[in-house]
Amino acid sequence: MLAGGHSEVKTDADGLATISSFKGIIEAHLNASYTVFEPVHYTTQVVAGTVYQAKIRVDGDDHVHAKVYVTLPHEGENAEIMVAEAGKSADEAFNFAA
C-alpha cells in the first residue's frame, strides 16, 4: 500500500462483518431495501479514521459499490456514507470520484 493510499483488496471475515454493519446506512443512502447483502471484498485507507471501499452483492446478481468513512474510536466510531452506487456488475472495478 502506498502511504495515504488504499490497501490491497481484503476478504477477511472481520472486515466483511464490518462492511455488513453498514447495510442500514447504505440502504438509506440509496433509498433501497435489500434482502441479500453480502460483502464481496473491500479496501481500507487510514486517515483521521478509516475509509472503506466495498463491493457488496445484493439481490439477484446486482452489486453495490460503497465508500464509507468511520471516525476514530474517541469520536464514537460513527459511519458516514461518502459515496454509494447501485447497479454495478460483479467484475466492475471501483471508480469513485469522491
Protein backbone atom coordinates (compact mmCIF):
# COMPACT_ATOMS: atom_id res chain seq x y z
CA MET A 1 0.00 0.00 0.00
CA LEU A 2 1.26 3.47 -0.83
CA ALA A 3 1.41 5.93 2.03
CA GLY A 4 -2.02 7.52 2.23
CA GLY A 5 -3.43 5.13 -0.37
CA HIS A 6 -5.93 2.31 -0.17
CA SER A 7 -4.88 -1.17 0.89
CA GLU A 8 -4.88 -4.21 -1.33
CA VAL A 9 -8.25 -5.95 -1.67
CA LYS A 10 -9.25 -7.76 1.52
CA THR A 11 -11.72 -10.59 2.16
CA ASP A 12 -11.21 -11.43 5.85
CA ALA A 13 -14.27 -12.32 7.93
CA ASP A 14 -13.87 -9.48 10.46
CA GLY A 15 -13.63 -6.83 7.77
CA LEU A 16 -16.55 -8.26 5.80
CA ALA A 17 -18.60 -8.22 9.03
CA THR A 18 -17.74 -4.52 9.41
CA ILE A 19 -18.98 -3.89 5.86
CA SER A 20 -22.19 -5.82 6.68
CA SER A 21 -22.75 -3.44 9.60
CA PHE A 22 -23.07 -0.58 7.08
CA LYS A 23 -26.19 -2.14 5.48
CA GLY A 24 -28.67 0.29 7.04
CA ILE A 25 -26.83 3.47 6.08
CA ILE A 26 -26.11 2.18 2.55
CA GLU A 27 -29.78 1.27 2.04
CA ALA A 28 -30.87 4.66 3.39
CA HIS A 29 -28.42 6.48 1.11
CA LEU A 30 -29.63 4.55 -1.95
CA ASN A 31 -33.29 4.62 -0.86
CA ALA A 32 -33.34 0.83 -1.27
CA SER A 33 -34.01 -2.29 0.78
CA TYR A 34 -32.03 -5.45 0.06
CA THR A 35 -32.92 -8.99 1.06
CA VAL A 36 -29.41 -10.14 0.08
CA PHE A 37 -26.47 -8.03 1.30
CA GLU A 38 -23.21 -9.97 1.02
CA PRO A 39 -19.92 -8.08 1.07
CA VAL A 40 -17.55 -9.50 -1.57
CA HIS A 41 -14.36 -7.57 -0.80
CA TYR A 42 -13.11 -4.23 0.41
CA THR A 43 -10.12 -1.93 0.76
CA THR A 44 -9.20 0.42 3.59
CA GLN A 45 -7.43 3.75 3.83
CA VAL A 46 -6.33 5.07 7.20
CA VAL A 47 -6.88 8.80 7.56
CA ALA A 48 -8.25 10.54 10.66
CA GLY A 49 -10.38 7.39 10.90
CA THR A 50 -10.79 4.70 8.25
CA VAL A 51 -12.23 4.89 4.74
CA TYR A 52 -13.70 1.61 3.46
CA GLN A 53 -14.37 0.98 -0.22
CA ALA A 54 -16.55 -2.11 -0.60
CA LYS A 55 -18.19 -4.26 -3.23
CA ILE A 56 -21.41 -5.83 -1.98
CA ARG A 57 -23.58 -8.39 -3.76
CA VAL A 58 -27.22 -7.52 -3.34
CA ASP A 59 -30.47 -9.03 -4.65
CA GLY A 60 -30.01 -11.11 -7.79
CA ASP A 61 -26.58 -10.62 -9.32
CA ASP A 62 -26.53 -6.86 -8.74
CA HIS A 63 -23.73 -5.21 -6.81
CA VAL A 64 -23.33 -2.01 -4.86
CA HIS A 65 -20.07 -0.09 -4.50
CA ALA A 66 -19.85 1.95 -1.33
CA LYS A 67 -17.27 4.27 0.19
CA VAL A 68 -17.79 4.71 3.94
CA TYR A 69 -15.83 6.82 6.42
CA VAL A 70 -15.61 5.64 10.03
CA THR A 71 -14.38 8.13 12.62
CA LEU A 72 -11.74 7.35 15.23
CA PRO A 73 -12.80 5.46 18.40
CA HIS A 74 -12.57 8.55 20.63
CA GLU A 75 -15.09 10.23 18.29
CA GLY A 76 -17.57 7.37 18.65
CA GLU A 77 -16.72 5.33 15.53
CA ASN A 78 -19.61 6.79 13.58
CA ALA A 79 -20.02 5.59 9.98
CA GLU A 80 -20.84 8.07 7.22
CA ILE A 81 -21.52 7.34 3.54
CA MET A 82 -19.18 9.21 1.21
CA VAL A 83 -20.48 7.56 -1.99
CA ALA A 84 -22.73 4.61 -2.77
CA GLU A 85 -23.56 3.40 -6.26
CA ALA A 86 -26.06 0.69 -7.18
CA GLY A 87 -26.34 -1.21 -10.47
CA LYS A 88 -22.74 -2.40 -10.59
CA SER A 89 -21.64 -5.73 -12.07
CA ALA A 90 -19.64 -8.49 -10.39
CA ASP A 91 -16.48 -7.64 -12.33
CA GLU A 92 -16.75 -3.83 -12.29
CA ALA A 93 -13.87 -2.05 -10.51
CA PHE A 94 -14.30 0.81 -8.05
CA ASN A 95 -14.36 4.19 -9.77
CA PHE A 96 -15.26 6.75 -7.12
CA ALA A 97 -14.97 10.46 -7.86
CA ALA A 98 -15.15 11.39 -4.15
